[in-house]
Amino acid sequence: MALTAYADANHAGCQDTRRSTSGSTQFLGDKLVSWSSKKQTSTLSISSTEAEYIAMSKHIDIQHHFIREQVEKGVVELYFVRTEYQLADIFTKALPRERFEFILPRLGMKCMKPETLKSLQDE
């Protein structure tokens, strides 16, 4: 059984607040087992942002070496995912309806109308 994860970030993507959003999905086999979406709680000042980038750079460096070791051991396989198949986009961006409807069923989720939800609740 394979564990597959998608991750995405949208730096300063909110047009109103310029806050960043990050998101991820994790599948065990073909079943969605975990997902997350987080929007920054505030817009950072330039100096805080710079400090965050420095800390993030160090974090990325450590993660890079860890992941590289796991790939070399054959524990992890990395694949490039083209934008149109990046499932985590649904948690990080305001998507056009067509794109949203393309991703949603691939997460194993269904979009239900209020009437459908009501009938399920009544059952």
PDB file of N, CA and C in Angstrom:
ATOM      1  N   MET A   1       0.855  -1.174   0.000  1.00  0.00           N
ATOM      2  CA  MET A   1       0.000   0.000   0.000  1.00  0.00           C
ATOM      3  C   MET A   1       0.903   1.240   0.000  1.00  0.00           C
ATOM      4  N   ALA A   2       0.624   2.175  -0.881  1.00  0.00           N
ATOM      5  CA  ALA A   2       1.470   3.359  -1.029  1.00  0.00           C
ATOM      6  C   ALA A   2       0.870   4.558  -0.295  1.00  0.00           C
ATOM      7  N   LEU A   3       1.742   5.344   0.304  1.00  0.00           N
ATOM      8  CA  LEU A   3       1.360   6.623   0.891  1.00  0.00           C
ATOM      9  C   LEU A   3       1.781   7.691  -0.107  1.00  0.00           C
ATOM     10  N   THR A   4       0.812   8.484  -0.584  1.00  0.00           N
ATOM     11  CA  THR A   4       1.086   9.535  -1.561  1.00  0.00           C
ATOM     12  C   THR A   4       0.654  10.863  -0.967  1.00  0.00           C
ATOM     13  N   ALA A   5       1.515  11.867  -1.088  1.00  0.00           N
ATOM     14  CA  ALA A   5       1.195  13.180  -0.532  1.00  0.00           C
ATOM     15  C   ALA A   5       1.390  14.255  -1.585  1.00  0.00           C
ATOM     16  N   TYR A   6       0.547  15.257  -1.546  1.00  0.00           N
ATOM     17  CA  TYR A   6       0.655  16.442  -2.393  1.00  0.00           C
ATOM     18  C   TYR A   6       0.742  17.646  -1.458  1.00  0.00           C
ATOM     19  N   ALA A   7       1.591  18.596  -1.789  1.00  0.00           N
ATOM     20  CA  ALA A   7       1.705  19.810  -0.978  1.00  0.00           C
ATOM     21  C   ALA A   7       1.825  21.007  -1.896  1.00  0.00           C
ATOM     22  N   ASP A   8       1.270  22.130  -1.459  1.00  0.00           N
ATOM     23  CA  ASP A   8       1.311  23.341  -2.262  1.00  0.00           C
ATOM     24  C   ASP A   8       1.288  24.548  -1.338  1.00  0.00           C
ATOM     25  N   ALA A   9       1.850  25.641  -1.801  1.00  0.00           N
ATOM     26  CA  ALA A   9       1.808  26.903  -1.062  1.00  0.00           C
ATOM     27  C   ALA A   9       1.529  28.024  -2.042  1.00  0.00           C
ATOM     28  N   ASN A  10       0.812  28.999  -1.572  1.00  0.00           N
ATOM     29  CA  ASN A  10       0.461  30.152  -2.390  1.00  0.00           C
ATOM     30  C   ASN A  10       0.949  31.389  -1.628  1.00  0.00           C
ATOM     31  N   HIS A  11       2.183  31.800  -1.899  1.00  0.00           N
ATOM     32  CA  HIS A  11       2.798  32.909  -1.166  1.00  0.00           C
ATOM     33  C   HIS A  11       2.097  34.230  -1.486  1.00  0.00           C
ATOM     34  N   ALA A  12       1.587  34.887  -0.460  1.00  0.00           N
ATOM     35  CA  ALA A  12       0.913  36.183  -0.577  1.00  0.00           C
ATOM     36  C   ALA A  12      -0.181  36.156  -1.639  1.00  0.00           C
ATOM     37  N   GLY A  13      -0.884  35.037  -1.722  1.00  0.00           N
ATOM     38  CA  GLY A  13      -1.862  34.840  -2.781  1.00  0.00           C
ATOM     39  C   GLY A  13      -3.200  35.526  -2.594  1.00  0.00           C
ATOM     40  N   CYS A  14      -3.553  35.870  -1.363  1.00  0.00           N
ATOM     41  CA  CYS A  14      -4.831  36.538  -1.133  1.00  0.00           C
ATOM     42  C   CYS A  14      -4.735  37.977  -1.643  1.00  0.00           C
ATOM     43  N   GLN A  15      -5.561  38.319  -2.598  1.00  0.00           N
ATOM     44  CA  GLN A  15      -5.490  39.652  -3.198  1.00  0.00           C
ATOM     45  C   GLN A  15      -5.916  40.751  -2.237  1.00  0.00           C
ATOM     46  N   ASP A  16      -6.755  40.408  -1.268  1.00  0.00           N
ATOM     47  CA  ASP A  16      -7.231  41.418  -0.325  1.00  0.00           C
ATOM     48  C   ASP A  16      -6.243  41.678   0.807  1.00  0.00           C
ATOM     49  N   THR A  17      -5.619  40.604   1.332  1.00  0.00           N
ATOM     50  CA  THR A  17      -4.767  40.748   2.516  1.00  0.00           C
ATOM     51  C   THR A  17      -3.296  40.439   2.265  1.00  0.00           C
ATOM     52  N   ARG A  18      -2.994  39.835   1.129  1.00  0.00           N
ATOM     53  CA  ARG A  18      -1.634  39.387   0.780  1.00  0.00           C
ATOM     54  C   ARG A  18      -1.109  38.350   1.771  1.00  0.00           C
ATOM     55  N   ARG A  19      -2.015  37.602   2.387  1.00  0.00           N
ATOM     56  CA  ARG A  19      -1.610  36.514   3.265  1.00  0.00           C
ATOM     57  C   ARG A  19      -1.333  35.270   2.423  1.00  0.00           C
ATOM     58  N   SER A  20      -0.461  34.421   2.936  1.00  0.00           N
ATOM     59  CA  SER A  20      -0.106  33.187   2.245  1.00  0.00           C
ATOM     60  C   SER A  20      -0.983  32.039   2.732  1.00  0.00           C
ATOM     61  N   THR A  21      -1.132  31.026   1.888  1.00  0.00           N
ATOM     62  CA  THR A  21      -1.891  29.834   2.225  1.00  0.00           C
ATOM     63  C   THR A  21      -1.057  28.614   1.879  1.00  0.00           C
ATOM     64  N   SER A  22      -1.105  27.612   2.748  1.00  0.00           N
ATOM     65  CA  SER A  22      -0.444  26.344   2.440  1.00  0.00           C
ATOM     66  C   SER A  22      -1.470  25.230   2.585  1.00  0.00           C
ATOM     67  N   GLY A  23      -1.248  24.145   1.842  1.00  0.00           N
ATOM     68  CA  GLY A  23      -2.184  23.033   1.902  1.00  0.00           C
ATOM     69  C   GLY A  23      -1.516  21.739   1.514  1.00  0.00           C
ATOM     70  N   SER A  24      -2.121  20.629   1.946  1.00  0.00           N
ATOM     71  CA  SER A  24      -1.583  19.321   1.590  1.00  0.00           C
ATOM     72  C   SER A  24      -2.681  18.271   1.645  1.00  0.00           C
ATOM     73  N   THR A  25      -2.455  17.181   0.934  1.00  0.00           N
ATOM     74  CA  THR A  25      -3.338  16.018   0.979  1.00  0.00           C
ATOM     75  C   THR A  25      -2.468  14.780   1.116  1.00  0.00           C
ATOM     76  N   GLN A  26      -2.974  13.782   1.824  1.00  0.00           N
ATOM     77  CA  GLN A  26      -2.263  12.524   1.970  1.00  0.00           C
ATOM     78  C   GLN A  26      -3.231  11.383   1.665  1.00  0.00           C
ATOM     79  N   PHE A  27      -2.786  10.474   0.810  1.00  0.00           N
ATOM     80  CA  PHE A  27      -3.578   9.316   0.427  1.00  0.00           C
ATOM     81  C   PHE A  27      -2.869   8.050   0.883  1.00  0.00           C
ATOM     82  N   LEU A  28      -3.619   7.093   1.385  1.00  0.00           N
ATOM     83  CA  LEU A  28      -3.118   5.757   1.643  1.00  0.00           C
ATOM     84  C   LEU A  28      -3.789   4.881   0.602  1.00  0.00           C
ATOM     85  N   GLY A  29      -2.999   4.406  -0.342  1.00  0.00           N
ATOM     86  CA  GLY A  29      -3.583   3.760  -1.514  1.00  0.00           C
ATOM     87  C   GLY A  29      -4.328   4.823  -2.289  1.00  0.00           C
ATOM     88  N   ASP A  30      -5.606   4.574  -2.600  1.00  0.00           N
ATOM     89  CA  ASP A  30      -6.389   5.581  -3.317  1.00  0.00           C
ATOM     90  C   ASP A  30      -7.369   6.316  -2.398  1.00  0.00           C
ATOM     91  N   LYS A  31      -7.208   6.150  -1.078  1.00  0.00           N
ATOM     92  CA  LYS A  31      -8.119   6.773  -0.113  1.00  0.00           C
ATOM     93  C   LYS A  31      -7.483   7.991   0.535  1.00  0.00           C
ATOM     94  N   LEU A  32      -8.208   9.096   0.523  1.00  0.00           N
ATOM     95  CA  LEU A  32      -7.766  10.313   1.200  1.00  0.00           C
ATOM     96  C   LEU A  32      -7.841  10.073   2.708  1.00  0.00           C
ATOM     97  N   VAL A  33      -6.706  10.198   3.391  1.00  0.00           N
ATOM     98  CA  VAL A  33      -6.689   9.949   4.836  1.00  0.00           C
ATOM     99  C   VAL A  33      -6.432  11.211   5.650  1.00  0.00           C
ATOM    100  N   SER A  34      -5.894  12.257   5.000  1.00  0.00           N
ATOM    101  CA  SER A  34      -5.613  13.483   5.725  1.00  0.00           C
ATOM    102  C   SER A  34      -5.487  14.641   4.746  1.00  0.00           C
ATOM    103  N   TRP A  35      -5.908  15.802   5.188  1.00  0.00           N
ATOM    104  CA  TRP A  35      -5.718  17.009   4.390  1.00  0.00           C
ATOM    105  C   TRP A  35      -5.599  18.191   5.329  1.00  0.00           C
ATOM    106  N   SER A  36      -4.985  19.246   4.827  1.00  0.00           N
ATOM    107  CA  SER A  36      -4.890  20.460   5.630  1.00  0.00           C
ATOM    108  C   SER A  36      -4.842  21.677   4.729  1.00  0.00           C
ATOM    109  N   SER A  37      -5.285  22.766   5.269  1.00  0.00           N
ATOM    110  CA  SER A  37      -5.227  24.054   4.590  1.00  0.00           C
ATOM    111  C   SER A  37      -5.068  25.109   5.666  1.00  0.00           C
ATOM    112  N   LYS A  38      -4.082  25.962   5.512  1.00  0.00           N
ATOM    113  CA  LYS A  38      -3.848  26.972   6.529  1.00  0.00           C
ATOM    114  C   LYS A  38      -3.520  28.305   5.874  1.00  0.00           C
ATOM    115  N   LYS A  39      -4.233  29.324   6.290  1.00  0.00           N
ATOM    116  CA  LYS A  39      -3.968  30.681   5.834  1.00  0.00           C
ATOM    117  C   LYS A  39      -3.273  31.426   6.971  1.00  0.00           C
ATOM    118  N   GLN A  40      -2.258  32.205   6.635  1.00  0.00           N
ATOM    119  CA  GLN A  40      -1.572  32.997   7.656  1.00  0.00           C
ATOM    120  C   GLN A  40      -2.583  33.799   8.447  1.00  0.00           C
ATOM    121  N   THR A  41      -2.345  33.938   9.744  1.00  0.00           N
ATOM    122  CA  THR A  41      -3.276  34.695  10.587  1.00  0.00           C
ATOM    123  C   THR A  41      -3.088  36.191  10.465  1.00  0.00           C
ATOM    124  N   SER A  42      -1.910  36.622  10.004  1.00  0.00           N
ATOM    125  CA  SER A  42      -1.682  38.052   9.829  1.00  0.00           C
ATOM    126  C   SER A  42      -0.646  38.278   8.742  1.00  0.00           C
ATOM    127  N   THR A  43      -0.630  39.487   8.253  1.00  0.00           N
ATOM    128  CA  THR A  43       0.391  39.865   7.292  1.00  0.00           C
ATOM    129  C   THR A  43       1.619  40.278   8.081  1.00  0.00           C
ATOM    130  N   LEU A  44       2.749  39.700   7.764  1.00  0.00           N
ATOM    131  CA  LEU A  44       3.966  39.974   8.520  1.00  0.00           C
ATOM    132  C   LEU A  44       4.644  41.238   8.023  1.00  0.00           C
ATOM    133  N   SER A  45       5.359  41.870   8.923  1.00  0.00           N
ATOM    134  CA  SER A  45       6.166  43.016   8.506  1.00  0.00           C
ATOM    135  C   SER A  45       7.369  42.501   7.729  1.00  0.00           C
ATOM    136  N   ILE A  46       8.047  43.385   7.019  1.00  0.00           N
ATOM    137  CA  ILE A  46       9.185  42.995   6.196  1.00  0.00           C
ATOM    138  C   ILE A  46      10.251  42.282   7.024  1.00  0.00           C
ATOM    139  N   SER A  47      10.617  42.839   8.202  1.00  0.00           N
ATOM    140  CA  SER A  47      11.683  42.223   8.993  1.00  0.00           C
ATOM    141  C   SER A  47      11.265  40.846   9.500  1.00  0.00           C
ATOM    142  N   SER A  48      10.009  40.685   9.913  1.00  0.00           N
ATOM    143  CA  SER A  48       9.537  39.372  10.346  1.00  0.00           C
ATOM    144  C   SER A  48       9.526  38.396   9.179  1.00  0.00           C
ATOM    145  N   THR A  49       9.132  38.878   8.024  1.00  0.00           N
ATOM    146  CA  THR A  49       9.118  38.030   6.837  1.00  0.00           C
ATOM    147  C   THR A  49      10.524  37.574   6.493  1.00  0.00           C
ATOM    148  N   GLU A  50      11.468  38.502   6.548  1.00  0.00           N
ATOM    149  CA  GLU A  50      12.858  38.135   6.267  1.00  0.00           C
ATOM    150  C   GLU A  50      13.349  37.083   7.255  1.00  0.00           C
ATOM    151  N   ALA A  51      13.027  37.251   8.529  1.00  0.00           N
ATOM    152  CA  ALA A  51      13.431  36.276   9.548  1.00  0.00           C
ATOM    153  C   ALA A  51      12.774  34.922   9.271  1.00  0.00           C
ATOM    154  N   GLU A  52      11.519  34.964   8.851  1.00  0.00           N
ATOM    155  CA  GLU A  52      10.811  33.724   8.541  1.00  0.00           C
ATOM    156  C   GLU A  52      11.466  33.010   7.357  1.00  0.00           C
ATOM    157  N   TYR A  53      11.854  33.783   6.335  1.00  0.00           N
ATOM    158  CA  TYR A  53      12.513  33.174   5.168  1.00  0.00           C
ATOM    159  C   TYR A  53      13.841  32.542   5.552  1.00  0.00           C
ATOM    160  N   ILE A  54      14.590  33.195   6.421  1.00  0.00           N
ATOM    161  CA  ILE A  54      15.871  32.635   6.862  1.00  0.00           C
ATOM    162  C   ILE A  54      15.628  31.324   7.611  1.00  0.00           C
ATOM    163  N   ALA A  55      14.659  31.327   8.528  1.00  0.00           N
ATOM    164  CA  ALA A  55      14.331  30.110   9.273  1.00  0.00           C
ATOM    165  C   ALA A  55      13.814  29.027   8.337  1.00  0.00           C
ATOM    166  N   MET A  56      12.964  29.433   7.377  1.00  0.00           N
ATOM    167  CA  MET A  56      12.417  28.480   6.418  1.00  0.00           C
ATOM    168  C   MET A  56      13.529  27.891   5.558  1.00  0.00           C
ATOM    169  N   SER A  57      14.483  28.734   5.167  1.00  0.00           N
ATOM    170  CA  SER A  57      15.610  28.268   4.349  1.00  0.00           C
ATOM    171  C   SER A  57      16.392  27.176   5.082  1.00  0.00           C
ATOM    172  N   LYS A  58      16.610  27.395   6.378  1.00  0.00           N
ATOM    173  CA  LYS A  58      17.316  26.400   7.181  1.00  0.00           C
ATOM    174  C   LYS A  58      16.481  25.124   7.279  1.00  0.00           C
ATOM    175  N   HIS A  59      15.178  25.289   7.498  1.00  0.00           N
ATOM    176  CA  HIS A  59      14.271  24.147   7.589  1.00  0.00           C
ATOM    177  C   HIS A  59      14.266  23.366   6.272  1.00  0.00           C
ATOM    178  N   ILE A  60      14.175  24.082   5.159  1.00  0.00           N
ATOM    179  CA  ILE A  60      14.175  23.433   3.841  1.00  0.00           C
ATOM    180  C   ILE A  60      15.483  22.675   3.636  1.00  0.00           C
ATOM    181  N   ASP A  61      16.595  23.265   4.046  1.00  0.00           N
ATOM    182  CA  ASP A  61      17.897  22.621   3.902  1.00  0.00           C
ATOM    183  C   ASP A  61      17.928  21.299   4.667  1.00  0.00           C
ATOM    184  N   ILE A  62      17.431  21.303   5.907  1.00  0.00           N
ATOM    185  CA  ILE A  62      17.403  20.088   6.721  1.00  0.00           C
ATOM    186  C   ILE A  62      16.475  19.051   6.087  1.00  0.00           C
ATOM    187  N   GLN A  63      15.279  19.493   5.670  1.00  0.00           N
ATOM    188  CA  GLN A  63      14.335  18.585   5.030  1.00  0.00           C
ATOM    189  C   GLN A  63      14.909  18.004   3.745  1.00  0.00           C
ATOM    190  N   HIS A  64      15.597  18.853   2.978  1.00  0.00           N
ATOM    191  CA  HIS A  64      16.203  18.413   1.717  1.00  0.00           C
ATOM    192  C   HIS A  64      17.151  17.242   1.962  1.00  0.00           C
ATOM    193  N   HIS A  65      18.015  17.375   2.959  1.00  0.00           N
ATOM    194  CA  HIS A  65      18.981  16.312   3.240  1.00  0.00           C
ATOM    195  C   HIS A  65      18.290  15.044   3.750  1.00  0.00           C
ATOM    196  N   PHE A  66      17.277  15.213   4.595  1.00  0.00           N
ATOM    197  CA  PHE A  66      16.535  14.058   5.096  1.00  0.00           C
ATOM    198  C   PHE A  66      15.849  13.329   3.943  1.00  0.00           C
ATOM    199  N   ILE A  67      15.151  14.086   3.105  1.00  0.00           N
ATOM    200  CA  ILE A  67      14.433  13.467   1.983  1.00  0.00           C
ATOM    201  C   ILE A  67      15.411  12.824   1.008  1.00  0.00           C
ATOM    202  N   ARG A  68      16.520  13.493   0.735  1.00  0.00           N
ATOM    203  CA  ARG A  68      17.512  12.924  -0.184  1.00  0.00           C
ATOM    204  C   ARG A  68      18.006  11.576   0.346  1.00  0.00           C
ATOM    205  N   GLU A  69      18.266  11.475   1.663  1.00  0.00           N
ATOM    206  CA  GLU A  69      18.696  10.209   2.249  1.00  0.00           C
ATOM    207  C   GLU A  69      17.624   9.134   2.087  1.00  0.00           C
ATOM    208  N   GLN A  70      16.363   9.512   2.305  1.00  0.00           N
ATOM    209  CA  GLN A  70      15.266   8.545   2.174  1.00  0.00           C
ATOM    210  C   GLN A  70      15.119   8.072   0.730  1.00  0.00           C
ATOM    211  N   VAL A  71      15.308   8.980  -0.226  1.00  0.00           N
ATOM    212  CA  VAL A  71      15.254   8.612  -1.644  1.00  0.00           C
ATOM    213  C   VAL A  71      16.401   7.658  -1.969  1.00  0.00           C
ATOM    214  N   GLU A  72      17.603   7.972  -1.491  1.00  0.00           N
ATOM    215  CA  GLU A  72      18.764   7.112  -1.744  1.00  0.00           C
ATOM    216  C   GLU A  72      18.568   5.718  -1.158  1.00  0.00           C
ATOM    217  N   LYS A  73      17.875   5.617  -0.021  1.00  0.00           N
ATOM    218  CA  LYS A  73      17.605   4.316   0.607  1.00  0.00           C
ATOM    219  C   LYS A  73      16.453   3.576  -0.070  1.00  0.00           C
ATOM    220  N   GLY A  74      15.716   4.269  -0.942  1.00  0.00           N
ATOM    221  CA  GLY A  74      14.575   3.647  -1.606  1.00  0.00           C
ATOM    222  C   GLY A  74      13.304   3.669  -0.784  1.00  0.00           C
ATOM    223  N   VAL A  75      13.296   4.417   0.326  1.00  0.00           N
ATOM    224  CA  VAL A  75      12.123   4.506   1.189  1.00  0.00           C
ATOM    225  C   VAL A  75      11.075   5.445   0.581  1.00  0.00           C
ATOM    226  N   VAL A  76      11.544   6.510  -0.057  1.00  0.00           N
ATOM    227  CA  VAL A  76      10.673   7.540  -0.631  1.00  0.00           C
ATOM    228  C   VAL A  76      10.966   7.674  -2.121  1.00  0.00           C
ATOM    229  N   GLU A  77       9.906   7.836  -2.908  1.00  0.00           N
ATOM    230  CA  GLU A  77      10.057   8.136  -4.325  1.00  0.00           C
ATOM    231  C   GLU A  77       9.442   9.511  -4.573  1.00  0.00           C
ATOM    232  N   LEU A  78      10.163  10.365  -5.247  1.00  0.00           N
ATOM    233  CA  LEU A  78       9.669  11.704  -5.561  1.00  0.00           C
ATOM    234  C   LEU A  78       9.303  11.784  -7.031  1.00  0.00           C
ATOM    235  N   TYR A  79       8.183  12.421  -7.305  1.00  0.00           N
ATOM    236  CA  TYR A  79       7.735  12.616  -8.676  1.00  0.00           C
ATOM    237  C   TYR A  79       7.323  14.062  -8.859  1.00  0.00           C
ATOM    238  N   PHE A  80       7.617  14.604 -10.008  1.00  0.00           N
ATOM    239  CA  PHE A  80       7.152  15.947 -10.348  1.00  0.00           C
ATOM    240  C   PHE A  80       5.678  15.844 -10.707  1.00  0.00           C
ATOM    241  N   VAL A  81       4.881  16.734 -10.165  1.00  0.00           N
ATOM    242  CA  VAL A  81       3.451  16.759 -10.457  1.00  0.00           C
ATOM    243  C   VAL A  81       3.144  18.052 -11.199  1.00  0.00           C
ATOM    244  N   ARG A  82       2.680  17.921 -12.426  1.00  0.00           N
ATOM    245  CA  ARG A  82       2.338  19.103 -13.217  1.00  0.00           C
ATOM    246  C   ARG A  82       1.184  19.848 -12.551  1.00  0.00           C
ATOM    247  N   THR A  83       1.135  21.134 -12.756  1.00  0.00           N
ATOM    248  CA  THR A  83       0.139  21.992 -12.115  1.00  0.00           C
ATOM    249  C   THR A  83      -1.283  21.463 -12.267  1.00  0.00           C
ATOM    250  N   GLU A  84      -1.629  20.975 -13.443  1.00  0.00           N
ATOM    251  CA  GLU A  84      -3.017  20.539 -13.643  1.00  0.00           C
ATOM    252  C   GLU A  84      -3.389  19.308 -12.813  1.00  0.00           C
ATOM    253  N   TYR A  85      -2.402  18.598 -12.261  1.00  0.00           N
ATOM    254  CA  TYR A  85      -2.681  17.434 -11.425  1.00  0.00           C
ATOM    255  C   TYR A  85      -2.305  17.658  -9.964  1.00  0.00           C
ATOM    256  N   GLN A  86      -2.052  18.911  -9.582  1.00  0.00           N
ATOM    257  CA  GLN A  86      -1.667  19.240  -8.206  1.00  0.00           C
ATOM    258  C   GLN A  86      -2.939  19.330  -7.361  1.00  0.00           C
ATOM    259  N   LEU A  87      -3.270  18.229  -6.680  1.00  0.00           N
ATOM    260  CA  LEU A  87      -4.523  18.157  -5.926  1.00  0.00           C
ATOM    261  C   LEU A  87      -4.564  19.120  -4.752  1.00  0.00           C
ATOM    262  N   ALA A  88      -3.415  19.488  -4.198  1.00  0.00           N
ATOM    263  CA  ALA A  88      -3.398  20.400  -3.048  1.00  0.00           C
ATOM    264  C   ALA A  88      -3.819  21.813  -3.435  1.00  0.00           C
ATOM    265  N   ASP A  89      -3.893  22.127  -4.729  1.00  0.00           N
ATOM    266  CA  ASP A  89      -4.351  23.452  -5.171  1.00  0.00           C
ATOM    267  C   ASP A  89      -5.727  23.793  -4.609  1.00  0.00           C
ATOM    268  N   ILE A  90      -6.550  22.785  -4.405  1.00  0.00           N
ATOM    269  CA  ILE A  90      -7.914  23.032  -3.932  1.00  0.00           C
ATOM    270  C   ILE A  90      -7.908  23.659  -2.536  1.00  0.00           C
ATOM    271  N   PHE A  91      -6.810  23.481  -1.785  1.00  0.00           N
ATOM    272  CA  PHE A  91      -6.713  24.024  -0.438  1.00  0.00           C
ATOM    273  C   PHE A  91      -5.930  25.324  -0.366  1.00  0.00           C
ATOM    274  N   THR A  92      -5.340  25.762  -1.470  1.00  0.00           N
ATOM    275  CA  THR A  92      -4.472  26.938  -1.415  1.00  0.00           C
ATOM    276  C   THR A  92      -4.894  28.067  -2.340  1.00  0.00           C
ATOM    277  N   LYS A  93      -5.790  27.815  -3.263  1.00  0.00           N
ATOM    278  CA  LYS A  93      -6.126  28.837  -4.254  1.00  0.00           C
ATOM    279  C   LYS A  93      -7.635  28.914  -4.488  1.00  0.00           C
ATOM    280  N   ALA A  94      -8.060  30.083  -4.879  1.00  0.00           N
ATOM    281  CA  ALA A  94      -9.431  30.222  -5.361  1.00  0.00           C
ATOM    282  C   ALA A  94      -9.408  29.728  -6.803  1.00  0.00           C
ATOM    283  N   LEU A  95     -10.059  28.609  -7.045  1.00  0.00           N
ATOM    284  CA  LEU A  95      -9.995  27.976  -8.363  1.00  0.00           C
ATOM    285  C   LEU A  95     -11.235  28.267  -9.187  1.00  0.00           C
ATOM    286  N   PRO A  96     -11.074  28.309 -10.497  1.00  0.00           N
ATOM    287  CA  PRO A  96     -12.259  28.390 -11.349  1.00  0.00           C
ATOM    288  C   PRO A  96     -13.103  27.123 -11.147  1.00  0.00           C
ATOM    289  N   ARG A  97     -14.402  27.231 -11.345  1.00  0.00           N
ATOM    290  CA  ARG A  97     -15.315  26.108 -11.108  1.00  0.00           C
ATOM    291  C   ARG A  97     -14.856  24.833 -11.833  1.00  0.00           C
ATOM    292  N   GLU A  98     -14.430  24.957 -13.071  1.00  0.00           N
ATOM    293  CA  GLU A  98     -14.008  23.787 -13.851  1.00  0.00           C
ATOM    294  C   GLU A  98     -12.845  23.053 -13.172  1.00  0.00           C
ATOM    295  N   ARG A  99     -11.884  23.821 -12.694  1.00  0.00           N
ATOM    296  CA  ARG A  99     -10.706  23.243 -12.026  1.00  0.00           C
ATOM    297  C   ARG A  99     -11.103  22.595 -10.702  1.00  0.00           C
ATOM    298  N   PHE A 100     -11.960  23.281  -9.943  1.00  0.00           N
ATOM    299  CA  PHE A 100     -12.460  22.757  -8.671  1.00  0.00           C
ATOM    300  C   PHE A 100     -13.181  21.432  -8.892  1.00  0.00           C
ATOM    301  N   GLU A 101     -14.049  21.387  -9.896  1.00  0.00           N
ATOM    302  CA  GLU A 101     -14.818  20.178 -10.182  1.00  0.00           C
ATOM    303  C   GLU A 101     -13.941  19.051 -10.723  1.00  0.00           C
ATOM    304  N   PHE A 102     -12.801  19.381 -11.309  1.00  0.00           N
ATOM    305  CA  PHE A 102     -11.838  18.372 -11.760  1.00  0.00           C
ATOM    306  C   PHE A 102     -11.135  17.733 -10.568  1.00  0.00           C
ATOM    307  N   ILE A 103     -10.734  18.555  -9.587  1.00  0.00           N
ATOM    308  CA  ILE A 103      -9.968  18.057  -8.446  1.00  0.00           C
ATOM    309  C   ILE A 103     -10.842  17.322  -7.434  1.00  0.00           C
ATOM    310  N   LEU A 104     -12.028  17.855  -7.153  1.00  0.00           N
ATOM    311  CA  LEU A 104     -12.872  17.335  -6.074  1.00  0.00           C
ATOM    312  C   LEU A 104     -13.078  15.816  -6.117  1.00  0.00           C
ATOM    313  N   PRO A 105     -13.493  15.229  -7.227  1.00  0.00           N
ATOM    314  CA  PRO A 105     -13.692  13.774  -7.216  1.00  0.00           C
ATOM    315  C   PRO A 105     -12.387  12.992  -7.061  1.00  0.00           C
ATOM    316  N   ARG A 106     -11.263  13.585  -7.422  1.00  0.00           N
ATOM    317  CA  ARG A 106      -9.975  12.910  -7.273  1.00  0.00           C
ATOM    318  C   ARG A 106      -9.546  12.833  -5.814  1.00  0.00           C
ATOM    319  N   LEU A 107     -10.179  13.636  -4.972  1.00  0.00           N
ATOM    320  CA  LEU A 107      -9.945  13.560  -3.531  1.00  0.00           C
ATOM    321  C   LEU A 107     -10.891  12.560  -2.868  1.00  0.00           C
ATOM    322  N   GLY A 108     -11.791  12.003  -3.673  1.00  0.00           N
ATOM    323  CA  GLY A 108     -12.769  11.074  -3.123  1.00  0.00           C
ATOM    324  C   GLY A 108     -13.908  11.794  -2.430  1.00  0.00           C
ATOM    325  N   MET A 109     -14.070  13.079  -2.732  1.00  0.00           N
ATOM    326  CA  MET A 109     -15.108  13.891  -2.104  1.00  0.00           C
ATOM    327  C   MET A 109     -16.224  14.142  -3.108  1.00  0.00           C
ATOM    328  N   LYS A 110     -17.394  14.399  -2.588  1.00  0.00           N
ATOM    329  CA  LYS A 110     -18.544  14.694  -3.436  1.00  0.00           C
ATOM    330  C   LYS A 110     -19.146  16.017  -3.013  1.00  0.00           C
ATOM    331  N   CYS A 111     -19.607  16.757  -3.987  1.00  0.00           N
ATOM    332  CA  CYS A 111     -20.288  18.010  -3.723  1.00  0.00           C
ATOM    333  C   CYS A 111     -21.787  17.721  -3.752  1.00  0.00           C
ATOM    334  N   MET A 112     -22.446  17.909  -2.621  1.00  0.00           N
ATOM    335  CA  MET A 112     -23.872  17.579  -2.544  1.00  0.00           C
ATOM    336  C   MET A 112     -24.713  18.825  -2.375  1.00  0.00           C
ATOM    337  N   LYS A 113     -25.858  18.789  -3.007  1.00  0.00           N
ATOM    338  CA  LYS A 113     -26.813  19.886  -2.888  1.00  0.00           C
ATOM    339  C   LYS A 113     -27.477  19.804  -1.514  1.00  0.00           C
ATOM    340  N   PRO A 114     -27.976  20.921  -1.010  1.00  0.00           N
ATOM    341  CA  PRO A 114     -28.640  20.913   0.312  1.00  0.00           C
ATOM    342  C   PRO A 114     -29.766  19.877   0.410  1.00  0.00           C
ATOM    343  N   GLU A 115     -30.507  19.670  -0.694  1.00  0.00           N
ATOM    344  CA  GLU A 115     -31.612  18.698  -0.668  1.00  0.00           C
ATOM    345  C   GLU A 115     -31.077  17.278  -0.429  1.00  0.00           C
ATOM    346  N   THR A 116     -29.931  16.958  -1.061  1.00  0.00           N
ATOM    347  CA  THR A 116     -29.325  15.636  -0.893  1.00  0.00           C
ATOM    348  C   THR A 116     -28.863  15.452   0.541  1.00  0.00           C
ATOM    349  N   LEU A 117     -28.245  16.468   1.108  1.00  0.00           N
ATOM    350  CA  LEU A 117     -27.790  16.383   2.500  1.00  0.00           C
ATOM    351  C   LEU A 117     -28.954  16.194   3.446  1.00  0.00           C
ATOM    352  N   LYS A 118     -30.062  16.902   3.178  1.00  0.00           N
ATOM    353  CA  LYS A 118     -31.268  16.808   4.024  1.00  0.00           C
ATOM    354  C   LYS A 118     -31.828  15.383   3.977  1.00  0.00           C
ATOM    355  N   SER A 119     -31.903  14.795   2.767  1.00  0.00           N
ATOM    356  CA  SER A 119     -32.452  13.440   2.657  1.00  0.00           C
ATOM    357  C   SER A 119     -31.542  12.414   3.335  1.00  0.00           C
ATOM    358  N   LEU A 120     -30.225  12.608   3.265  1.00  0.00           N
ATOM    359  CA  LEU A 120     -29.303  11.720   3.958  1.00  0.00           C
ATOM    360  C   LEU A 120     -29.457  11.836   5.466  1.00  0.00           C
ATOM    361  N   GLN A 121     -29.673  13.063   5.937  1.00  0.00           N
ATOM    362  CA  GLN A 121     -29.852  13.299   7.361  1.00  0.00           C
ATOM    363  C   GLN A 121     -31.139  12.618   7.851  1.00  0.00           C
ATOM    364  N   ASP A 122     -32.187  12.638   7.030  1.00  0.00           N
ATOM    365  CA  ASP A 122     -33.468  12.070   7.410  1.00  0.00           C
ATOM    366  C   ASP A 122     -33.460  10.535   7.421  1.00  0.00           C
ATOM    367  N   GLU A 123     -32.504   9.927   6.710  1.00  0.00           N
ATOM    368  CA  GLU A 123     -32.454   8.454   6.642  1.00  0.00           C
ATOM    369  C   GLU A 123     -32.025   7.832   7.939  1.00  0.00           C
TER     370      GLU A 123
END
